[in-house]
Amino acid sequence: RNMPPGEMLTVVGEHVFPFLRTLGGDGSTYAQHMKDARFTIPTAALLAKVVDLIAEIPLEGRDTSGDLYEYMLGKIASAGQNGQFRTPRHIIRLMVELTAPQPTDVICDPACGTAGFLVMAGEVLRERHPNILHDATLREHFHRRMFHGFDFDNTMLRIGSMNMLLHGVENRDIRYR
């Protein structure tokens, strides 16, 4: 934030963005989706404005940063070109609460889009089973085997994978199908 805008554009474009592409680890579906991602903020002035706006938002925890990401997704478009449809968050919560996911479940969304249902399932599990991440076996299951999402739009796969990462799921299975 205190960096000159031109320098910030260079640091983000040449260092931060390439680092973000590696977060999922080699061989992960996240790494697969992010390999072709491009940093597309065109000017230093626009990047500085974005950073200043985000700096005003308190981003202390997983919930806030994930909520900001989902808010931005909602503002970008409510429907995509391939028939994607954005379900309102309160409807997603109701549907997930009615399914009552359990810590040992395997959860799949066959048309996951931005992964909103998978994200909410993770949040509901954390609320209803606060010790889910304290038990080594359940934590491993939660981060490595629980969440599966499919979509046929590569942009949605990238967005959904990033959304899951921002909501604290380390190695989710989000793939083209």
N, C-alpha and C. Protein backbone atom coordinates (compact mmCIF):
# COMPACT_ATOMS: atom_id res chain seq x y z
N ARG A 1 0.81 -1.19 0.00
CA ARG A 1 0.00 0.00 0.00
C ARG A 1 0.86 1.26 0.00
N ASN A 2 2.00 1.18 0.66
CA ASN A 2 2.90 2.33 0.68
C ASN A 2 3.90 2.30 -0.48
N MET A 3 3.79 1.32 -1.33
CA MET A 3 4.70 1.14 -2.46
C MET A 3 4.24 2.02 -3.63
N PRO A 4 5.16 2.57 -4.40
CA PRO A 4 4.75 3.32 -5.60
C PRO A 4 3.93 2.41 -6.52
N PRO A 5 2.86 2.93 -7.14
CA PRO A 5 1.97 2.09 -7.96
C PRO A 5 2.67 1.28 -9.04
N GLY A 6 3.64 1.87 -9.73
CA GLY A 6 4.35 1.13 -10.79
C GLY A 6 5.10 -0.07 -10.23
N GLU A 7 5.74 0.13 -9.09
CA GLU A 7 6.48 -0.96 -8.45
C GLU A 7 5.51 -2.04 -7.95
N MET A 8 4.36 -1.60 -7.41
CA MET A 8 3.36 -2.54 -6.92
C MET A 8 2.84 -3.41 -8.07
N LEU A 9 2.60 -2.81 -9.23
CA LEU A 9 2.13 -3.57 -10.39
C LEU A 9 3.16 -4.63 -10.78
N THR A 10 4.42 -4.30 -10.74
CA THR A 10 5.49 -5.25 -11.06
C THR A 10 5.54 -6.37 -10.02
N VAL A 11 5.51 -6.03 -8.75
CA VAL A 11 5.58 -7.03 -7.68
C VAL A 11 4.40 -7.99 -7.76
N VAL A 12 3.20 -7.46 -7.90
CA VAL A 12 2.01 -8.31 -7.95
C VAL A 12 2.02 -9.17 -9.21
N GLY A 13 2.31 -8.55 -10.35
CA GLY A 13 2.27 -9.28 -11.62
C GLY A 13 3.36 -10.31 -11.79
N GLU A 14 4.57 -10.01 -11.25
CA GLU A 14 5.71 -10.91 -11.48
C GLU A 14 6.05 -11.80 -10.30
N HIS A 15 5.53 -11.48 -9.10
CA HIS A 15 5.89 -12.28 -7.92
C HIS A 15 4.66 -12.84 -7.19
N VAL A 16 3.73 -11.96 -6.81
CA VAL A 16 2.57 -12.40 -6.03
C VAL A 16 1.67 -13.31 -6.85
N PHE A 17 1.30 -12.89 -8.05
CA PHE A 17 0.39 -13.68 -8.87
C PHE A 17 0.98 -15.05 -9.22
N PRO A 18 2.24 -15.13 -9.64
CA PRO A 18 2.83 -16.45 -9.88
C PRO A 18 2.83 -17.33 -8.61
N PHE A 19 3.06 -16.71 -7.43
CA PHE A 19 3.01 -17.47 -6.17
C PHE A 19 1.60 -18.03 -5.93
N LEU A 20 0.56 -17.20 -6.17
CA LEU A 20 -0.82 -17.67 -5.98
C LEU A 20 -1.14 -18.88 -6.84
N ARG A 21 -0.54 -18.94 -8.01
CA ARG A 21 -0.79 -20.08 -8.90
C ARG A 21 -0.20 -21.37 -8.35
N THR A 22 0.74 -21.30 -7.42
CA THR A 22 1.38 -22.51 -6.88
C THR A 22 0.75 -23.00 -5.57
N LEU A 23 -0.21 -22.29 -5.02
CA LEU A 23 -0.70 -22.59 -3.67
C LEU A 23 -1.26 -24.00 -3.49
N GLY A 24 -1.87 -24.57 -4.49
CA GLY A 24 -2.48 -25.88 -4.33
C GLY A 24 -1.50 -27.03 -4.28
N GLY A 25 -0.24 -26.78 -4.64
CA GLY A 25 0.74 -27.85 -4.68
C GLY A 25 0.71 -28.56 -6.03
N ASP A 26 1.81 -29.16 -6.39
CA ASP A 26 1.91 -29.86 -7.67
C ASP A 26 0.90 -30.99 -7.74
N GLY A 27 0.27 -31.14 -8.88
CA GLY A 27 -0.66 -32.24 -9.08
C GLY A 27 -2.06 -31.98 -8.56
N SER A 28 -2.30 -30.89 -7.83
CA SER A 28 -3.64 -30.60 -7.32
C SER A 28 -4.52 -30.06 -8.43
N THR A 29 -5.83 -30.19 -8.25
CA THR A 29 -6.73 -29.63 -9.25
C THR A 29 -6.62 -28.11 -9.25
N TYR A 30 -6.32 -27.50 -8.11
CA TYR A 30 -6.13 -26.05 -8.03
C TYR A 30 -4.98 -25.63 -8.96
N ALA A 31 -3.84 -26.32 -8.86
CA ALA A 31 -2.68 -25.99 -9.70
C ALA A 31 -3.03 -26.16 -11.18
N GLN A 32 -3.80 -27.18 -11.48
CA GLN A 32 -4.23 -27.42 -12.85
C GLN A 32 -5.05 -26.25 -13.40
N HIS A 33 -6.00 -25.75 -12.61
CA HIS A 33 -6.86 -24.65 -13.06
C HIS A 33 -6.12 -23.33 -13.12
N MET A 34 -5.14 -23.15 -12.24
CA MET A 34 -4.45 -21.87 -12.16
C MET A 34 -3.28 -21.74 -13.13
N LYS A 35 -2.85 -22.83 -13.76
CA LYS A 35 -1.64 -22.77 -14.60
C LYS A 35 -1.78 -21.77 -15.75
N ASP A 36 -2.98 -21.57 -16.27
CA ASP A 36 -3.18 -20.64 -17.38
C ASP A 36 -3.77 -19.30 -16.94
N ALA A 37 -3.91 -19.09 -15.63
CA ALA A 37 -4.48 -17.84 -15.13
C ALA A 37 -3.54 -16.69 -15.44
N ARG A 38 -4.12 -15.55 -15.77
CA ARG A 38 -3.34 -14.36 -16.10
C ARG A 38 -3.72 -13.21 -15.18
N PHE A 39 -2.73 -12.40 -14.83
CA PHE A 39 -2.96 -11.18 -14.06
C PHE A 39 -3.35 -10.11 -15.06
N THR A 40 -4.58 -9.59 -14.96
CA THR A 40 -5.09 -8.72 -16.03
C THR A 40 -5.42 -7.29 -15.59
N ILE A 41 -4.97 -6.87 -14.42
CA ILE A 41 -5.17 -5.46 -14.06
C ILE A 41 -4.18 -4.67 -14.92
N PRO A 42 -4.69 -3.81 -15.81
CA PRO A 42 -3.83 -3.24 -16.85
C PRO A 42 -2.93 -2.09 -16.42
N THR A 43 -3.32 -1.33 -15.40
CA THR A 43 -2.52 -0.15 -15.07
C THR A 43 -2.19 -0.10 -13.58
N ALA A 44 -1.10 0.57 -13.28
CA ALA A 44 -0.68 0.74 -11.89
C ALA A 44 -1.71 1.55 -11.10
N ALA A 45 -2.32 2.53 -11.74
CA ALA A 45 -3.31 3.37 -11.04
C ALA A 45 -4.54 2.54 -10.64
N LEU A 46 -4.99 1.66 -11.52
CA LEU A 46 -6.15 0.82 -11.20
C LEU A 46 -5.81 -0.15 -10.07
N LEU A 47 -4.63 -0.76 -10.10
CA LEU A 47 -4.21 -1.66 -9.03
C LEU A 47 -4.15 -0.91 -7.70
N ALA A 48 -3.61 0.31 -7.70
CA ALA A 48 -3.52 1.10 -6.47
C ALA A 48 -4.92 1.39 -5.92
N LYS A 49 -5.88 1.70 -6.82
CA LYS A 49 -7.24 1.96 -6.38
C LYS A 49 -7.87 0.71 -5.76
N VAL A 50 -7.67 -0.44 -6.38
CA VAL A 50 -8.20 -1.70 -5.86
C VAL A 50 -7.61 -1.99 -4.48
N VAL A 51 -6.29 -1.83 -4.35
CA VAL A 51 -5.62 -2.10 -3.08
C VAL A 51 -6.14 -1.15 -1.99
N ASP A 52 -6.32 0.12 -2.31
CA ASP A 52 -6.84 1.07 -1.33
C ASP A 52 -8.25 0.70 -0.88
N LEU A 53 -9.10 0.28 -1.82
CA LEU A 53 -10.46 -0.10 -1.46
C LEU A 53 -10.47 -1.35 -0.58
N ILE A 54 -9.67 -2.34 -0.92
CA ILE A 54 -9.62 -3.57 -0.14
C ILE A 54 -8.99 -3.33 1.22
N ALA A 55 -8.03 -2.41 1.29
CA ALA A 55 -7.35 -2.11 2.56
C ALA A 55 -8.31 -1.57 3.62
N GLU A 56 -9.41 -0.99 3.19
CA GLU A 56 -10.40 -0.45 4.13
C GLU A 56 -11.28 -1.52 4.74
N ILE A 57 -11.25 -2.73 4.19
CA ILE A 57 -12.11 -3.82 4.67
C ILE A 57 -11.33 -4.66 5.66
N PRO A 58 -11.90 -4.93 6.86
CA PRO A 58 -11.19 -5.80 7.81
C PRO A 58 -11.21 -7.25 7.32
N LEU A 59 -10.03 -7.82 7.07
CA LEU A 59 -9.93 -9.18 6.53
C LEU A 59 -9.20 -10.11 7.50
N GLU A 60 -9.63 -10.13 8.74
CA GLU A 60 -8.91 -10.90 9.75
C GLU A 60 -9.02 -12.40 9.57
N GLY A 61 -10.14 -12.90 9.07
CA GLY A 61 -10.31 -14.34 9.09
C GLY A 61 -10.77 -14.92 7.77
N ARG A 62 -10.83 -16.24 7.74
CA ARG A 62 -11.27 -17.00 6.58
C ARG A 62 -12.65 -16.52 6.13
N ASP A 63 -13.54 -16.29 7.08
CA ASP A 63 -14.91 -15.92 6.73
C ASP A 63 -14.96 -14.61 5.96
N THR A 64 -14.22 -13.61 6.42
CA THR A 64 -14.27 -12.29 5.80
C THR A 64 -13.68 -12.32 4.40
N SER A 65 -12.51 -12.93 4.23
CA SER A 65 -11.89 -12.93 2.91
C SER A 65 -12.73 -13.75 1.93
N GLY A 66 -13.29 -14.85 2.39
CA GLY A 66 -14.17 -15.65 1.53
C GLY A 66 -15.44 -14.92 1.19
N ASP A 67 -16.00 -14.21 2.16
CA ASP A 67 -17.22 -13.43 1.92
C ASP A 67 -16.96 -12.33 0.91
N LEU A 68 -15.80 -11.67 1.01
CA LEU A 68 -15.45 -10.62 0.06
C LEU A 68 -15.37 -11.21 -1.34
N TYR A 69 -14.73 -12.36 -1.47
CA TYR A 69 -14.60 -13.03 -2.77
C TYR A 69 -15.98 -13.35 -3.34
N GLU A 70 -16.85 -13.90 -2.50
CA GLU A 70 -18.20 -14.25 -2.97
C GLU A 70 -19.01 -13.00 -3.32
N TYR A 71 -18.83 -11.93 -2.57
CA TYR A 71 -19.51 -10.68 -2.89
C TYR A 71 -19.09 -10.18 -4.26
N MET A 72 -17.77 -10.23 -4.51
CA MET A 72 -17.26 -9.78 -5.80
C MET A 72 -17.79 -10.67 -6.93
N LEU A 73 -17.88 -11.98 -6.69
CA LEU A 73 -18.44 -12.88 -7.69
C LEU A 73 -19.88 -12.51 -8.02
N GLY A 74 -20.64 -12.19 -6.98
CA GLY A 74 -22.04 -11.82 -7.18
C GLY A 74 -22.19 -10.54 -7.97
N LYS A 75 -21.25 -9.62 -7.80
CA LYS A 75 -21.30 -8.35 -8.52
C LYS A 75 -20.87 -8.50 -9.97
N ILE A 76 -19.97 -9.46 -10.23
CA ILE A 76 -19.48 -9.64 -11.60
C ILE A 76 -20.61 -10.07 -12.53
N ALA A 77 -21.39 -11.05 -12.09
CA ALA A 77 -22.50 -11.52 -12.94
C ALA A 77 -23.39 -12.45 -12.14
N SER A 78 -24.68 -12.36 -12.39
CA SER A 78 -25.60 -13.28 -11.73
C SER A 78 -25.85 -14.50 -12.62
N ALA A 79 -25.54 -14.41 -13.87
CA ALA A 79 -25.66 -15.56 -14.77
C ALA A 79 -24.57 -15.48 -15.82
N GLY A 80 -24.00 -16.63 -16.14
CA GLY A 80 -22.92 -16.68 -17.12
C GLY A 80 -23.43 -17.02 -18.50
N GLN A 81 -22.49 -17.20 -19.41
CA GLN A 81 -22.84 -17.48 -20.80
C GLN A 81 -23.32 -18.91 -21.01
N ASN A 82 -22.92 -19.83 -20.15
CA ASN A 82 -23.25 -21.23 -20.34
C ASN A 82 -24.40 -21.69 -19.45
N GLY A 83 -25.24 -20.78 -19.05
CA GLY A 83 -26.40 -21.13 -18.24
C GLY A 83 -26.10 -21.19 -16.75
N GLN A 84 -24.91 -20.70 -16.32
CA GLN A 84 -24.62 -20.69 -14.89
C GLN A 84 -25.65 -19.82 -14.18
N PHE A 85 -25.88 -20.17 -12.97
CA PHE A 85 -26.91 -19.50 -12.22
C PHE A 85 -26.42 -19.37 -10.79
N ARG A 86 -26.52 -18.20 -10.23
CA ARG A 86 -26.00 -17.96 -8.88
C ARG A 86 -27.13 -18.08 -7.87
N THR A 87 -27.03 -19.08 -7.02
CA THR A 87 -28.03 -19.29 -5.97
C THR A 87 -27.73 -18.34 -4.81
N PRO A 88 -28.73 -17.61 -4.33
CA PRO A 88 -28.50 -16.70 -3.20
C PRO A 88 -27.97 -17.46 -1.97
N ARG A 89 -27.08 -16.81 -1.24
CA ARG A 89 -26.39 -17.44 -0.12
C ARG A 89 -27.35 -18.01 0.93
N HIS A 90 -28.44 -17.30 1.24
CA HIS A 90 -29.35 -17.81 2.27
C HIS A 90 -30.09 -19.07 1.80
N ILE A 91 -30.32 -19.22 0.50
CA ILE A 91 -30.93 -20.44 -0.03
C ILE A 91 -29.92 -21.59 0.02
N ILE A 92 -28.66 -21.29 -0.30
CA ILE A 92 -27.62 -22.30 -0.21
C ILE A 92 -27.52 -22.81 1.23
N ARG A 93 -27.50 -21.87 2.19
CA ARG A 93 -27.39 -22.27 3.61
C ARG A 93 -28.56 -23.17 4.00
N LEU A 94 -29.78 -22.79 3.63
CA LEU A 94 -30.95 -23.60 3.96
C LEU A 94 -30.82 -25.01 3.39
N MET A 95 -30.43 -25.10 2.12
CA MET A 95 -30.32 -26.41 1.47
C MET A 95 -29.24 -27.27 2.14
N VAL A 96 -28.11 -26.66 2.47
CA VAL A 96 -27.03 -27.41 3.13
C VAL A 96 -27.45 -27.83 4.52
N GLU A 97 -28.09 -26.93 5.27
CA GLU A 97 -28.54 -27.29 6.61
C GLU A 97 -29.55 -28.43 6.57
N LEU A 98 -30.42 -28.46 5.56
CA LEU A 98 -31.39 -29.55 5.43
C LEU A 98 -30.73 -30.88 5.12
N THR A 99 -29.61 -30.84 4.40
CA THR A 99 -28.89 -32.10 4.11
C THR A 99 -28.06 -32.56 5.30
N ALA A 100 -27.80 -31.68 6.25
CA ALA A 100 -27.08 -32.00 7.50
C ALA A 100 -25.81 -32.81 7.26
N PRO A 101 -24.80 -32.22 6.58
CA PRO A 101 -23.57 -32.96 6.33
C PRO A 101 -22.88 -33.39 7.63
N GLN A 102 -22.26 -34.56 7.56
CA GLN A 102 -21.57 -35.13 8.72
C GLN A 102 -20.06 -35.15 8.46
N PRO A 103 -19.24 -35.17 9.51
CA PRO A 103 -17.78 -35.09 9.36
C PRO A 103 -17.16 -36.20 8.52
N THR A 104 -17.82 -37.33 8.38
CA THR A 104 -17.24 -38.43 7.59
C THR A 104 -17.85 -38.53 6.20
N ASP A 105 -18.76 -37.63 5.84
CA ASP A 105 -19.39 -37.66 4.52
C ASP A 105 -18.41 -37.32 3.41
N VAL A 106 -18.75 -37.74 2.21
CA VAL A 106 -18.10 -37.29 0.99
C VAL A 106 -19.15 -36.45 0.28
N ILE A 107 -18.80 -35.22 -0.08
CA ILE A 107 -19.76 -34.27 -0.62
C ILE A 107 -19.40 -33.94 -2.06
N CYS A 108 -20.39 -34.02 -2.94
CA CYS A 108 -20.16 -33.74 -4.35
C CYS A 108 -21.23 -32.78 -4.86
N ASP A 109 -20.79 -31.77 -5.60
CA ASP A 109 -21.70 -30.90 -6.33
C ASP A 109 -21.38 -31.11 -7.81
N PRO A 110 -22.29 -31.77 -8.55
CA PRO A 110 -22.00 -32.12 -9.94
C PRO A 110 -22.05 -30.95 -10.92
N ALA A 111 -22.48 -29.79 -10.47
CA ALA A 111 -22.48 -28.57 -11.30
C ALA A 111 -22.09 -27.42 -10.38
N CYS A 112 -20.84 -27.43 -9.91
CA CYS A 112 -20.44 -26.61 -8.76
C CYS A 112 -20.27 -25.12 -9.05
N GLY A 113 -20.02 -24.72 -10.28
CA GLY A 113 -19.84 -23.29 -10.56
C GLY A 113 -18.79 -22.68 -9.66
N THR A 114 -19.16 -21.70 -8.86
CA THR A 114 -18.21 -21.01 -7.97
C THR A 114 -17.97 -21.77 -6.67
N ALA A 115 -18.55 -22.94 -6.52
CA ALA A 115 -18.39 -23.83 -5.35
C ALA A 115 -19.11 -23.31 -4.12
N GLY A 116 -20.13 -22.51 -4.30
CA GLY A 116 -20.88 -21.95 -3.17
C GLY A 116 -21.49 -23.00 -2.26
N PHE A 117 -22.02 -24.09 -2.83
CA PHE A 117 -22.61 -25.14 -2.01
C PHE A 117 -21.53 -25.89 -1.22
N LEU A 118 -20.39 -26.14 -1.86
CA LEU A 118 -19.29 -26.83 -1.17
C LEU A 118 -18.72 -25.96 -0.06
N VAL A 119 -18.56 -24.67 -0.32
CA VAL A 119 -18.08 -23.74 0.69
C VAL A 119 -19.03 -23.73 1.89
N MET A 120 -20.33 -23.64 1.60
CA MET A 120 -21.31 -23.60 2.69
C MET A 120 -21.31 -24.91 3.47
N ALA A 121 -21.15 -26.04 2.78
CA ALA A 121 -21.08 -27.32 3.48
C ALA A 121 -19.91 -27.31 4.47
N GLY A 122 -18.77 -26.77 4.05
CA GLY A 122 -17.63 -26.67 4.95
C GLY A 122 -17.91 -25.78 6.14
N GLU A 123 -18.58 -24.66 5.90
CA GLU A 123 -18.91 -23.74 6.99
C GLU A 123 -19.89 -24.38 7.98
N VAL A 124 -20.91 -25.04 7.45
CA VAL A 124 -21.90 -25.69 8.32
C VAL A 124 -21.24 -26.80 9.13
N LEU A 125 -20.36 -27.56 8.51
CA LEU A 125 -19.64 -28.61 9.25
C LEU A 125 -18.82 -28.02 10.37
N ARG A 126 -18.13 -26.91 10.12
CA ARG A 126 -17.33 -26.28 11.17
C ARG A 126 -18.20 -25.77 12.32
N GLU A 127 -19.39 -25.24 11.97
CA GLU A 127 -20.30 -24.73 13.01
C GLU A 127 -20.90 -25.86 13.84
N ARG A 128 -21.40 -26.90 13.18
CA ARG A 128 -22.11 -27.99 13.87
C ARG A 128 -21.18 -29.00 14.51
N HIS A 129 -19.96 -29.08 14.03
CA HIS A 129 -18.97 -30.04 14.54
C HIS A 129 -17.66 -29.29 14.78
N PRO A 130 -17.63 -28.45 15.82
CA PRO A 130 -16.48 -27.56 16.03
C PRO A 130 -15.14 -28.28 16.20
N ASN A 131 -15.17 -29.56 16.53
CA ASN A 131 -13.91 -30.29 16.71
C ASN A 131 -13.46 -31.03 15.45
N ILE A 132 -14.14 -30.79 14.33
CA ILE A 132 -13.83 -31.52 13.10
C ILE A 132 -12.37 -31.39 12.69
N LEU A 133 -11.77 -30.24 12.91
CA LEU A 133 -10.39 -30.04 12.51
C LEU A 133 -9.40 -30.34 13.63
N HIS A 134 -9.89 -30.77 14.79
CA HIS A 134 -9.01 -31.11 15.91
C HIS A 134 -8.62 -32.59 15.86
N ASP A 135 -9.46 -33.41 15.28
CA ASP A 135 -9.19 -34.85 15.14
C ASP A 135 -8.38 -35.05 13.84
N ALA A 136 -7.23 -35.70 13.95
CA ALA A 136 -6.32 -35.83 12.79
C ALA A 136 -6.99 -36.53 11.61
N THR A 137 -7.73 -37.59 11.87
CA THR A 137 -8.37 -38.35 10.79
C THR A 137 -9.45 -37.51 10.11
N LEU A 138 -10.29 -36.84 10.91
CA LEU A 138 -11.35 -36.01 10.33
C LEU A 138 -10.77 -34.80 9.59
N ARG A 139 -9.71 -34.22 10.14
CA ARG A 139 -9.07 -33.06 9.49
C ARG A 139 -8.51 -33.48 8.13
N GLU A 140 -7.84 -34.62 8.07
CA GLU A 140 -7.29 -35.13 6.81
C GLU A 140 -8.41 -35.37 5.81
N HIS A 141 -9.51 -35.97 6.26
CA HIS A 141 -10.66 -36.22 5.38
C HIS A 141 -11.25 -34.89 4.88
N PHE A 142 -11.42 -33.93 5.79
CA PHE A 142 -11.98 -32.62 5.44
C PHE A 142 -11.15 -31.94 4.36
N HIS A 143 -9.84 -31.94 4.51
CA HIS A 143 -8.97 -31.20 3.59
C HIS A 143 -8.61 -31.96 2.32
N ARG A 144 -8.72 -33.28 2.30
CA ARG A 144 -8.20 -34.05 1.17
C ARG A 144 -9.23 -34.90 0.42
N ARG A 145 -10.29 -35.34 1.10
CA ARG A 145 -11.19 -36.30 0.46
C ARG A 145 -12.67 -35.94 0.49
N MET A 146 -13.05 -34.96 1.25
CA MET A 146 -14.47 -34.68 1.45
C MET A 146 -15.14 -33.98 0.28
N PHE A 147 -14.50 -32.97 -0.30
CA PHE A 147 -15.16 -32.08 -1.25
C PHE A 147 -14.80 -32.37 -2.71
N HIS A 148 -15.85 -32.56 -3.51
CA HIS A 148 -15.69 -32.82 -4.95
C HIS A 148 -16.68 -31.95 -5.70
N GLY A 149 -16.18 -31.25 -6.71
CA GLY A 149 -17.06 -30.42 -7.53
C GLY A 149 -16.71 -30.58 -8.99
N PHE A 150 -17.73 -30.58 -9.82
CA PHE A 150 -17.54 -30.73 -11.26
C PHE A 150 -18.20 -29.57 -11.97
N ASP A 151 -17.62 -29.18 -13.10
CA ASP A 151 -18.23 -28.18 -13.96
C ASP A 151 -17.63 -28.35 -15.35
N PHE A 152 -18.27 -27.73 -16.34
CA PHE A 152 -17.76 -27.83 -17.72
C PHE A 152 -17.20 -26.50 -18.20
N ASP A 153 -17.12 -25.51 -17.32
CA ASP A 153 -16.61 -24.20 -17.66
C ASP A 153 -15.29 -23.99 -16.92
N ASN A 154 -14.20 -23.86 -17.66
CA ASN A 154 -12.88 -23.75 -17.03
C ASN A 154 -12.74 -22.52 -16.14
N THR A 155 -13.41 -21.44 -16.49
CA THR A 155 -13.37 -20.24 -15.65
C THR A 155 -14.05 -20.52 -14.31
N MET A 156 -15.18 -21.21 -14.36
CA MET A 156 -15.87 -21.56 -13.12
C MET A 156 -15.03 -22.50 -12.26
N LEU A 157 -14.32 -23.42 -12.90
CA LEU A 157 -13.45 -24.34 -12.15
C LEU A 157 -12.36 -23.55 -11.41
N ARG A 158 -11.79 -22.57 -12.07
CA ARG A 158 -10.75 -21.74 -11.46
C ARG A 158 -11.34 -20.94 -10.30
N ILE A 159 -12.49 -20.31 -10.53
CA ILE A 159 -13.12 -19.50 -9.49
C ILE A 159 -13.53 -20.37 -8.30
N GLY A 160 -14.14 -21.52 -8.58
CA GLY A 160 -14.57 -22.41 -7.51
C GLY A 160 -13.40 -22.93 -6.69
N SER A 161 -12.32 -23.28 -7.35
CA SER A 161 -11.15 -23.79 -6.65
C SER A 161 -10.55 -22.71 -5.75
N MET A 162 -10.47 -21.48 -6.25
CA MET A 162 -9.97 -20.37 -5.43
C MET A 162 -10.92 -20.08 -4.27
N ASN A 163 -12.21 -20.16 -4.52
CA ASN A 163 -13.19 -19.92 -3.47
C ASN A 163 -13.01 -20.93 -2.33
N MET A 164 -12.82 -22.19 -2.66
CA MET A 164 -12.61 -23.21 -1.63
C MET A 164 -11.32 -22.93 -0.85
N LEU A 165 -10.26 -22.55 -1.55
CA LEU A 165 -9.00 -22.23 -0.89
C LEU A 165 -9.19 -21.07 0.09
N LEU A 166 -9.87 -20.02 -0.35
CA LEU A 166 -10.10 -18.86 0.52
C LEU A 166 -10.96 -19.21 1.73
N HIS A 167 -11.75 -20.26 1.62
CA HIS A 167 -12.57 -20.69 2.74
C HIS A 167 -11.91 -21.81 3.54
N GLY A 168 -10.63 -21.99 3.34
CA GLY A 168 -9.86 -22.86 4.23
C GLY A 168 -9.89 -24.34 3.94
N VAL A 169 -10.19 -24.75 2.71
CA VAL A 169 -10.12 -26.16 2.36
C VAL A 169 -8.86 -26.34 1.52
N GLU A 170 -7.94 -27.11 2.03
CA GLU A 170 -6.59 -27.15 1.46
C GLU A 170 -6.50 -27.83 0.09
N ASN A 171 -7.09 -29.00 -0.08
CA ASN A 171 -6.88 -29.73 -1.33
C ASN A 171 -8.20 -30.36 -1.78
N ARG A 172 -9.04 -29.54 -2.34
CA ARG A 172 -10.35 -29.98 -2.80
C ARG A 172 -10.24 -30.53 -4.21
N ASP A 173 -11.20 -31.34 -4.60
CA ASP A 173 -11.20 -31.95 -5.93
C ASP A 173 -12.24 -31.24 -6.78
N ILE A 174 -11.79 -30.23 -7.51
CA ILE A 174 -12.67 -29.46 -8.40
C ILE A 174 -12.17 -29.74 -9.81
N ARG A 175 -13.00 -30.39 -10.64
CA ARG A 175 -12.47 -30.77 -11.95
C ARG A 175 -13.51 -30.69 -13.06
N TYR A 176 -12.98 -30.68 -14.28
CA TYR A 176 -13.81 -30.64 -15.49
C TYR A 176 -14.54 -31.96 -15.67
N ARG A 177 -15.84 -31.87 -15.80
CA ARG A 177 -16.63 -33.07 -16.08
C ARG A 177 -17.96 -32.64 -16.65
